[in-house]
Amino acid sequence: MSRQNHDKQEEERTPVKKRGVRKWTIIQWFLIPLLLVAALAGGLVAGYVVLGKKEFSDVLQWSTWKHVYDLVFAP
């Protein structure tokens, strides 16, 4: 193979990207859990405060969730 053909083949090769941590991957690791927590908080507010017409501070009390558990799993 001549030197000229060899140079052309090297030019035709596509450059290999280095595998690193992409910005979107880092964003996903932080953004998705943050959105899940925001959805949980929004659901609590919508369900307990807006529909149930109760105080938001009641949502954060353990006795509220014990009562809900007892209602769901009562024999």
PDB file of N, CA and C in Angstrom:
ATOM      1  N   MET A   1       0.858  -1.166   0.000  1.00  0.00           N
ATOM      2  CA  MET A   1       0.000   0.000   0.000  1.00  0.00           C
ATOM      3  C   MET A   1       0.906   1.231   0.000  1.00  0.00           C
ATOM      4  N   SER A   2       0.556   2.180  -0.808  1.00  0.00           N
ATOM      5  CA  SER A   2       1.391   3.370  -0.909  1.00  0.00           C
ATOM      6  C   SER A   2       1.119   4.301   0.259  1.00  0.00           C
ATOM      7  N   ARG A   3       2.044   5.168   0.468  1.00  0.00           N
ATOM      8  CA  ARG A   3       1.944   6.130   1.565  1.00  0.00           C
ATOM      9  C   ARG A   3       0.726   7.044   1.384  1.00  0.00           C
ATOM     10  N   GLN A   4       0.431   7.395   0.162  1.00  0.00           N
ATOM     11  CA  GLN A   4      -0.686   8.291  -0.132  1.00  0.00           C
ATOM     12  C   GLN A   4      -2.025   7.629   0.220  1.00  0.00           C
ATOM     13  N   ASN A   5      -2.203   6.365  -0.128  1.00  0.00           N
ATOM     14  CA  ASN A   5      -3.433   5.648   0.205  1.00  0.00           C
ATOM     15  C   ASN A   5      -3.587   5.497   1.713  1.00  0.00           C
ATOM     16  N   HIS A   6      -2.493   5.275   2.384  1.00  0.00           N
ATOM     17  CA  HIS A   6      -2.537   5.111   3.831  1.00  0.00           C
ATOM     18  C   HIS A   6      -2.985   6.399   4.502  1.00  0.00           C
ATOM     19  N   ASP A   7      -2.500   7.554   4.024  1.00  0.00           N
ATOM     20  CA  ASP A   7      -2.902   8.846   4.572  1.00  0.00           C
ATOM     21  C   ASP A   7      -4.387   9.112   4.340  1.00  0.00           C
ATOM     22  N   LYS A   8      -4.907   8.710   3.171  1.00  0.00           N
ATOM     23  CA  LYS A   8      -6.320   8.910   2.873  1.00  0.00           C
ATOM     24  C   LYS A   8      -7.196   8.081   3.811  1.00  0.00           C
ATOM     25  N   GLN A   9      -6.762   6.861   4.099  1.00  0.00           N
ATOM     26  CA  GLN A   9      -7.542   6.012   4.991  1.00  0.00           C
ATOM     27  C   GLN A   9      -7.595   6.600   6.400  1.00  0.00           C
ATOM     28  N   GLU A  10      -6.493   7.168   6.847  1.00  0.00           N
ATOM     29  CA  GLU A  10      -6.492   7.775   8.175  1.00  0.00           C
ATOM     30  C   GLU A  10      -7.420   8.987   8.240  1.00  0.00           C
ATOM     31  N   GLU A  11      -7.484   9.756   7.151  1.00  0.00           N
ATOM     32  CA  GLU A  11      -8.361  10.917   7.112  1.00  0.00           C
ATOM     33  C   GLU A  11      -9.829  10.518   7.090  1.00  0.00           C
ATOM     34  N   GLU A  12     -10.136   9.378   6.481  1.00  0.00           N
ATOM     35  CA  GLU A  12     -11.521   8.929   6.358  1.00  0.00           C
ATOM     36  C   GLU A  12     -12.076   8.374   7.664  1.00  0.00           C
ATOM     37  N   ARG A  13     -11.221   7.979   8.557  1.00  0.00           N
ATOM     38  CA  ARG A  13     -11.681   7.427   9.829  1.00  0.00           C
ATOM     39  C   ARG A  13     -12.348   8.525  10.649  1.00  0.00           C
ATOM     40  N   THR A  14     -13.421   8.129  11.293  1.00  0.00           N
ATOM     41  CA  THR A  14     -14.094   9.097  12.154  1.00  0.00           C
ATOM     42  C   THR A  14     -13.379   9.130  13.490  1.00  0.00           C
ATOM     43  N   PRO A  15     -13.277  10.290  14.083  1.00  0.00           N
ATOM     44  CA  PRO A  15     -12.597  10.371  15.378  1.00  0.00           C
ATOM     45  C   PRO A  15     -13.409   9.655  16.447  1.00  0.00           C
ATOM     46  N   VAL A  16     -12.716   8.984  17.319  1.00  0.00           N
ATOM     47  CA  VAL A  16     -13.361   8.233  18.388  1.00  0.00           C
ATOM     48  C   VAL A  16     -13.589   9.186  19.545  1.00  0.00           C
ATOM     49  N   LYS A  17     -14.852   9.249  19.999  1.00  0.00           N
ATOM     50  CA  LYS A  17     -15.172  10.116  21.124  1.00  0.00           C
ATOM     51  C   LYS A  17     -14.698   9.445  22.410  1.00  0.00           C
ATOM     52  N   LYS A  18     -14.179  10.250  23.302  1.00  0.00           N
ATOM     53  CA  LYS A  18     -13.787   9.722  24.600  1.00  0.00           C
ATOM     54  C   LYS A  18     -15.041   9.539  25.432  1.00  0.00           C
ATOM     55  N   ARG A  19     -15.110   8.431  26.119  1.00  0.00           N
ATOM     56  CA  ARG A  19     -16.275   8.185  26.981  1.00  0.00           C
ATOM     57  C   ARG A  19     -16.027   8.836  28.312  1.00  0.00           C
ATOM     58  N   GLY A  20     -16.829   9.787  28.606  1.00  0.00           N
ATOM     59  CA  GLY A  20     -16.744  10.473  29.887  1.00  0.00           C
ATOM     60  C   GLY A  20     -18.138  10.669  30.420  1.00  0.00           C
ATOM     61  N   VAL A  21     -18.213  11.245  31.572  1.00  0.00           N
ATOM     62  CA  VAL A  21     -19.520  11.512  32.153  1.00  0.00           C
ATOM     63  C   VAL A  21     -20.074  12.751  31.455  1.00  0.00           C
ATOM     64  N   ARG A  22     -21.177  12.545  30.780  1.00  0.00           N
ATOM     65  CA  ARG A  22     -21.786  13.654  30.056  1.00  0.00           C
ATOM     66  C   ARG A  22     -22.569  14.533  31.018  1.00  0.00           C
ATOM     67  N   LYS A  23     -22.779  15.751  30.614  1.00  0.00           N
ATOM     68  CA  LYS A  23     -23.518  16.696  31.452  1.00  0.00           C
ATOM     69  C   LYS A  23     -24.938  16.216  31.701  1.00  0.00           C
ATOM     70  N   TRP A  24     -25.584  15.657  30.683  1.00  0.00           N
ATOM     71  CA  TRP A  24     -26.975  15.212  30.831  1.00  0.00           C
ATOM     72  C   TRP A  24     -27.079  14.083  31.846  1.00  0.00           C
ATOM     73  N   THR A  25     -26.078  13.228  31.917  1.00  0.00           N
ATOM     74  CA  THR A  25     -26.093  12.135  32.888  1.00  0.00           C
ATOM     75  C   THR A  25     -26.039  12.694  34.305  1.00  0.00           C
ATOM     76  N   ILE A  26     -25.199  13.690  34.510  1.00  0.00           N
ATOM     77  CA  ILE A  26     -25.096  14.295  35.833  1.00  0.00           C
ATOM     78  C   ILE A  26     -26.405  14.993  36.188  1.00  0.00           C
ATOM     79  N   ILE A  27     -26.989  15.689  35.223  1.00  0.00           N
ATOM     80  CA  ILE A  27     -28.264  16.371  35.457  1.00  0.00           C
ATOM     81  C   ILE A  27     -29.345  15.356  35.816  1.00  0.00           C
ATOM     82  N   GLN A  28     -29.358  14.220  35.128  1.00  0.00           N
ATOM     83  CA  GLN A  28     -30.369  13.202  35.402  1.00  0.00           C
ATOM     84  C   GLN A  28     -30.251  12.667  36.822  1.00  0.00           C
ATOM     85  N   TRP A  29     -29.046  12.498  37.307  1.00  0.00           N
ATOM     86  CA  TRP A  29     -28.858  11.963  38.658  1.00  0.00           C
ATOM     87  C   TRP A  29     -29.404  12.895  39.724  1.00  0.00           C
ATOM     88  N   PHE A  30     -29.425  14.183  39.446  1.00  0.00           N
ATOM     89  CA  PHE A  30     -29.940  15.135  40.419  1.00  0.00           C
ATOM     90  C   PHE A  30     -31.347  15.603  40.094  1.00  0.00           C
ATOM     91  N   LEU A  31     -31.662  15.743  38.819  1.00  0.00           N
ATOM     92  CA  LEU A  31     -32.942  16.302  38.421  1.00  0.00           C
ATOM     93  C   LEU A  31     -34.096  15.328  38.631  1.00  0.00           C
ATOM     94  N   ILE A  32     -33.922  14.075  38.288  1.00  0.00           N
ATOM     95  CA  ILE A  32     -35.007  13.099  38.403  1.00  0.00           C
ATOM     96  C   ILE A  32     -35.425  12.896  39.863  1.00  0.00           C
ATOM     97  N   PRO A  33     -34.495  12.665  40.807  1.00  0.00           N
ATOM     98  CA  PRO A  33     -34.952  12.564  42.210  1.00  0.00           C
ATOM     99  C   PRO A  33     -35.592  13.854  42.719  1.00  0.00           C
ATOM    100  N   LEU A  34     -35.077  15.004  42.277  1.00  0.00           N
ATOM    101  CA  LEU A  34     -35.669  16.265  42.693  1.00  0.00           C
ATOM    102  C   LEU A  34     -37.099  16.396  42.175  1.00  0.00           C
ATOM    103  N   LEU A  35     -37.323  16.004  40.932  1.00  0.00           N
ATOM    104  CA  LEU A  35     -38.675  16.044  40.373  1.00  0.00           C
ATOM    105  C   LEU A  35     -39.596  15.050  41.069  1.00  0.00           C
ATOM    106  N   LEU A  36     -39.081  13.897  41.463  1.00  0.00           N
ATOM    107  CA  LEU A  36     -39.899  12.921  42.194  1.00  0.00           C
ATOM    108  C   LEU A  36     -40.330  13.466  43.557  1.00  0.00           C
ATOM    109  N   VAL A  37     -39.416  14.119  44.246  1.00  0.00           N
ATOM    110  CA  VAL A  37     -39.753  14.711  45.543  1.00  0.00           C
ATOM    111  C   VAL A  37     -40.764  15.841  45.357  1.00  0.00           C
ATOM    112  N   ALA A  38     -40.583  16.639  44.311  1.00  0.00           N
ATOM    113  CA  ALA A  38     -41.526  17.724  44.030  1.00  0.00           C
ATOM    114  C   ALA A  38     -42.912  17.167  43.694  1.00  0.00           C
ATOM    115  N   ALA A  39     -42.962  16.067  42.954  1.00  0.00           N
ATOM    116  CA  ALA A  39     -44.250  15.445  42.633  1.00  0.00           C
ATOM    117  C   ALA A  39     -44.919  14.899  43.886  1.00  0.00           C
ATOM    118  N   LEU A  40     -44.135  14.319  44.782  1.00  0.00           N
ATOM    119  CA  LEU A  40     -44.685  13.822  46.047  1.00  0.00           C
ATOM    120  C   LEU A  40     -45.251  14.966  46.873  1.00  0.00           C
ATOM    121  N   ALA A  41     -44.494  16.050  46.982  1.00  0.00           N
ATOM    122  CA  ALA A  41     -44.962  17.208  47.747  1.00  0.00           C
ATOM    123  C   ALA A  41     -46.207  17.818  47.104  1.00  0.00           C
ATOM    124  N   GLY A  42     -46.224  17.905  45.786  1.00  0.00           N
ATOM    125  CA  GLY A  42     -47.395  18.434  45.096  1.00  0.00           C
ATOM    126  C   GLY A  42     -48.613  17.552  45.294  1.00  0.00           C
ATOM    127  N   GLY A  43     -48.403  16.254  45.281  1.00  0.00           N
ATOM    128  CA  GLY A  43     -49.506  15.327  45.519  1.00  0.00           C
ATOM    129  C   GLY A  43     -50.037  15.420  46.942  1.00  0.00           C
ATOM    130  N   LEU A  44     -49.141  15.594  47.892  1.00  0.00           N
ATOM    131  CA  LEU A  44     -49.569  15.754  49.281  1.00  0.00           C
ATOM    132  C   LEU A  44     -50.386  17.023  49.455  1.00  0.00           C
ATOM    133  N   VAL A  45     -49.918  18.090  48.866  1.00  0.00           N
ATOM    134  CA  VAL A  45     -50.645  19.360  48.978  1.00  0.00           C
ATOM    135  C   VAL A  45     -51.996  19.261  48.284  1.00  0.00           C
ATOM    136  N   ALA A  46     -51.998  18.706  47.068  1.00  0.00           N
ATOM    137  CA  ALA A  46     -53.253  18.612  46.320  1.00  0.00           C
ATOM    138  C   ALA A  46     -54.250  17.698  47.026  1.00  0.00           C
ATOM    139  N   GLY A  47     -53.785  16.578  47.526  1.00  0.00           N
ATOM    140  CA  GLY A  47     -54.698  15.621  48.135  1.00  0.00           C
ATOM    141  C   GLY A  47     -55.128  15.977  49.537  1.00  0.00           C
ATOM    142  N   TYR A  48     -54.191  16.423  50.343  1.00  0.00           N
ATOM    143  CA  TYR A  48     -54.507  16.625  51.756  1.00  0.00           C
ATOM    144  C   TYR A  48     -54.980  18.040  52.050  1.00  0.00           C
ATOM    145  N   VAL A  49     -54.342  19.012  51.442  1.00  0.00           N
ATOM    146  CA  VAL A  49     -54.664  20.404  51.744  1.00  0.00           C
ATOM    147  C   VAL A  49     -55.828  20.904  50.885  1.00  0.00           C
ATOM    148  N   VAL A  50     -55.751  20.685  49.572  1.00  0.00           N
ATOM    149  CA  VAL A  50     -56.773  21.228  48.678  1.00  0.00           C
ATOM    150  C   VAL A  50     -58.053  20.399  48.759  1.00  0.00           C
ATOM    151  N   LEU A  51     -57.944  19.101  48.525  1.00  0.00           N
ATOM    152  CA  LEU A  51     -59.147  18.255  48.529  1.00  0.00           C
ATOM    153  C   LEU A  51     -59.652  17.955  49.937  1.00  0.00           C
ATOM    154  N   GLY A  52     -58.720  17.708  50.867  1.00  0.00           N
ATOM    155  CA  GLY A  52     -59.115  17.356  52.226  1.00  0.00           C
ATOM    156  C   GLY A  52     -59.387  18.540  53.126  1.00  0.00           C
ATOM    157  N   LYS A  53     -58.977  19.721  52.678  1.00  0.00           N
ATOM    158  CA  LYS A  53     -59.175  20.957  53.440  1.00  0.00           C
ATOM    159  C   LYS A  53     -58.615  20.853  54.860  1.00  0.00           C
ATOM    160  N   LYS A  54     -57.397  20.334  54.962  1.00  0.00           N
ATOM    161  CA  LYS A  54     -56.691  20.215  56.242  1.00  0.00           C
ATOM    162  C   LYS A  54     -55.458  21.095  56.213  1.00  0.00           C
ATOM    163  N   GLU A  55     -54.791  21.202  57.336  1.00  0.00           N
ATOM    164  CA  GLU A  55     -53.562  21.989  57.441  1.00  0.00           C
ATOM    165  C   GLU A  55     -52.382  21.219  56.849  1.00  0.00           C
ATOM    166  N   PHE A  56     -51.476  21.947  56.202  1.00  0.00           N
ATOM    167  CA  PHE A  56     -50.302  21.289  55.621  1.00  0.00           C
ATOM    168  C   PHE A  56     -49.404  20.693  56.700  1.00  0.00           C
ATOM    169  N   SER A  57     -49.349  21.308  57.860  1.00  0.00           N
ATOM    170  CA  SER A  57     -48.492  20.792  58.933  1.00  0.00           C
ATOM    171  C   SER A  57     -48.939  19.402  59.384  1.00  0.00           C
ATOM    172  N   ASP A  58     -50.234  19.083  59.200  1.00  0.00           N
ATOM    173  CA  ASP A  58     -50.727  17.749  59.558  1.00  0.00           C
ATOM    174  C   ASP A  58     -50.136  16.665  58.666  1.00  0.00           C
ATOM    175  N   VAL A  59     -49.786  17.022  57.443  1.00  0.00           N
ATOM    176  CA  VAL A  59     -49.213  16.047  56.510  1.00  0.00           C
ATOM    177  C   VAL A  59     -47.882  15.534  57.026  1.00  0.00           C
ATOM    178  N   LEU A  60     -47.149  16.368  57.724  1.00  0.00           N
ATOM    179  CA  LEU A  60     -45.812  16.010  58.177  1.00  0.00           C
ATOM    180  C   LEU A  60     -45.794  15.284  59.521  1.00  0.00           C
ATOM    181  N   GLN A  61     -46.936  15.037  60.117  1.00  0.00           N
ATOM    182  CA  GLN A  61     -46.983  14.367  61.415  1.00  0.00           C
ATOM    183  C   GLN A  61     -47.083  12.853  61.237  1.00  0.00           C
ATOM    184  N   TRP A  62     -46.413  12.144  62.107  1.00  0.00           N
ATOM    185  CA  TRP A  62     -46.398  10.691  62.045  1.00  0.00           C
ATOM    186  C   TRP A  62     -47.786  10.112  62.325  1.00  0.00           C
ATOM    187  N   SER A  63     -48.531  10.717  63.203  1.00  0.00           N
ATOM    188  CA  SER A  63     -49.848  10.197  63.562  1.00  0.00           C
ATOM    189  C   SER A  63     -50.797  10.188  62.360  1.00  0.00           C
ATOM    190  N   THR A  64     -50.644  11.143  61.455  1.00  0.00           N
ATOM    191  CA  THR A  64     -51.471  11.171  60.242  1.00  0.00           C
ATOM    192  C   THR A  64     -51.221   9.927  59.404  1.00  0.00           C
ATOM    193  N   TRP A  65     -49.952   9.588  59.210  1.00  0.00           N
ATOM    194  CA  TRP A  65     -49.610   8.447  58.356  1.00  0.00           C
ATOM    195  C   TRP A  65     -49.916   7.122  59.046  1.00  0.00           C
ATOM    196  N   LYS A  66     -49.838   7.094  60.369  1.00  0.00           N
ATOM    197  CA  LYS A  66     -50.245   5.884  61.097  1.00  0.00           C
ATOM    198  C   LYS A  66     -51.742   5.659  60.915  1.00  0.00           C
ATOM    199  N   HIS A  67     -52.504   6.735  60.967  1.00  0.00           N
ATOM    200  CA  HIS A  67     -53.950   6.645  60.777  1.00  0.00           C
ATOM    201  C   HIS A  67     -54.285   6.171  59.351  1.00  0.00           C
ATOM    202  N   VAL A  68     -53.593   6.711  58.354  1.00  0.00           N
ATOM    203  CA  VAL A  68     -53.812   6.289  56.980  1.00  0.00           C
ATOM    204  C   VAL A  68     -53.460   4.808  56.822  1.00  0.00           C
ATOM    205  N   TYR A  69     -52.356   4.380  57.406  1.00  0.00           N
ATOM    206  CA  TYR A  69     -51.960   2.970  57.355  1.00  0.00           C
ATOM    207  C   TYR A  69     -53.028   2.074  57.994  1.00  0.00           C
ATOM    208  N   ASP A  70     -53.509   2.511  59.127  1.00  0.00           N
ATOM    209  CA  ASP A  70     -54.543   1.728  59.815  1.00  0.00           C
ATOM    210  C   ASP A  70     -55.823   1.653  58.984  1.00  0.00           C
ATOM    211  N   LEU A  71     -56.179   2.714  58.282  1.00  0.00           N
ATOM    212  CA  LEU A  71     -57.371   2.697  57.432  1.00  0.00           C
ATOM    213  C   LEU A  71     -57.203   1.756  56.259  1.00  0.00           C
ATOM    214  N   VAL A  72     -56.029   1.757  55.655  1.00  0.00           N
ATOM    215  CA  VAL A  72     -55.792   0.935  54.469  1.00  0.00           C
ATOM    216  C   VAL A  72     -55.692  -0.532  54.824  1.00  0.00           C
ATOM    217  N   PHE A  73     -55.013  -0.856  55.897  1.00  0.00           N
ATOM    218  CA  PHE A  73     -54.753  -2.252  56.227  1.00  0.00           C
ATOM    219  C   PHE A  73     -55.596  -2.764  57.379  1.00  0.00           C
ATOM    220  N   ALA A  74     -56.703  -2.125  57.676  1.00  0.00           N
ATOM    221  CA  ALA A  74     -57.581  -2.575  58.749  1.00  0.00           C
ATOM    222  C   ALA A  74     -58.285  -3.861  58.331  1.00  0.00           C
ATOM    223  N   PRO A  75     -58.419  -4.815  59.273  1.00  0.00           N
ATOM    224  CA  PRO A  75     -59.121  -6.068  58.922  1.00  0.00           C
ATOM    225  C   PRO A  75     -60.613  -5.878  58.783  1.00  0.00           C
TER     226      PRO A  75
END
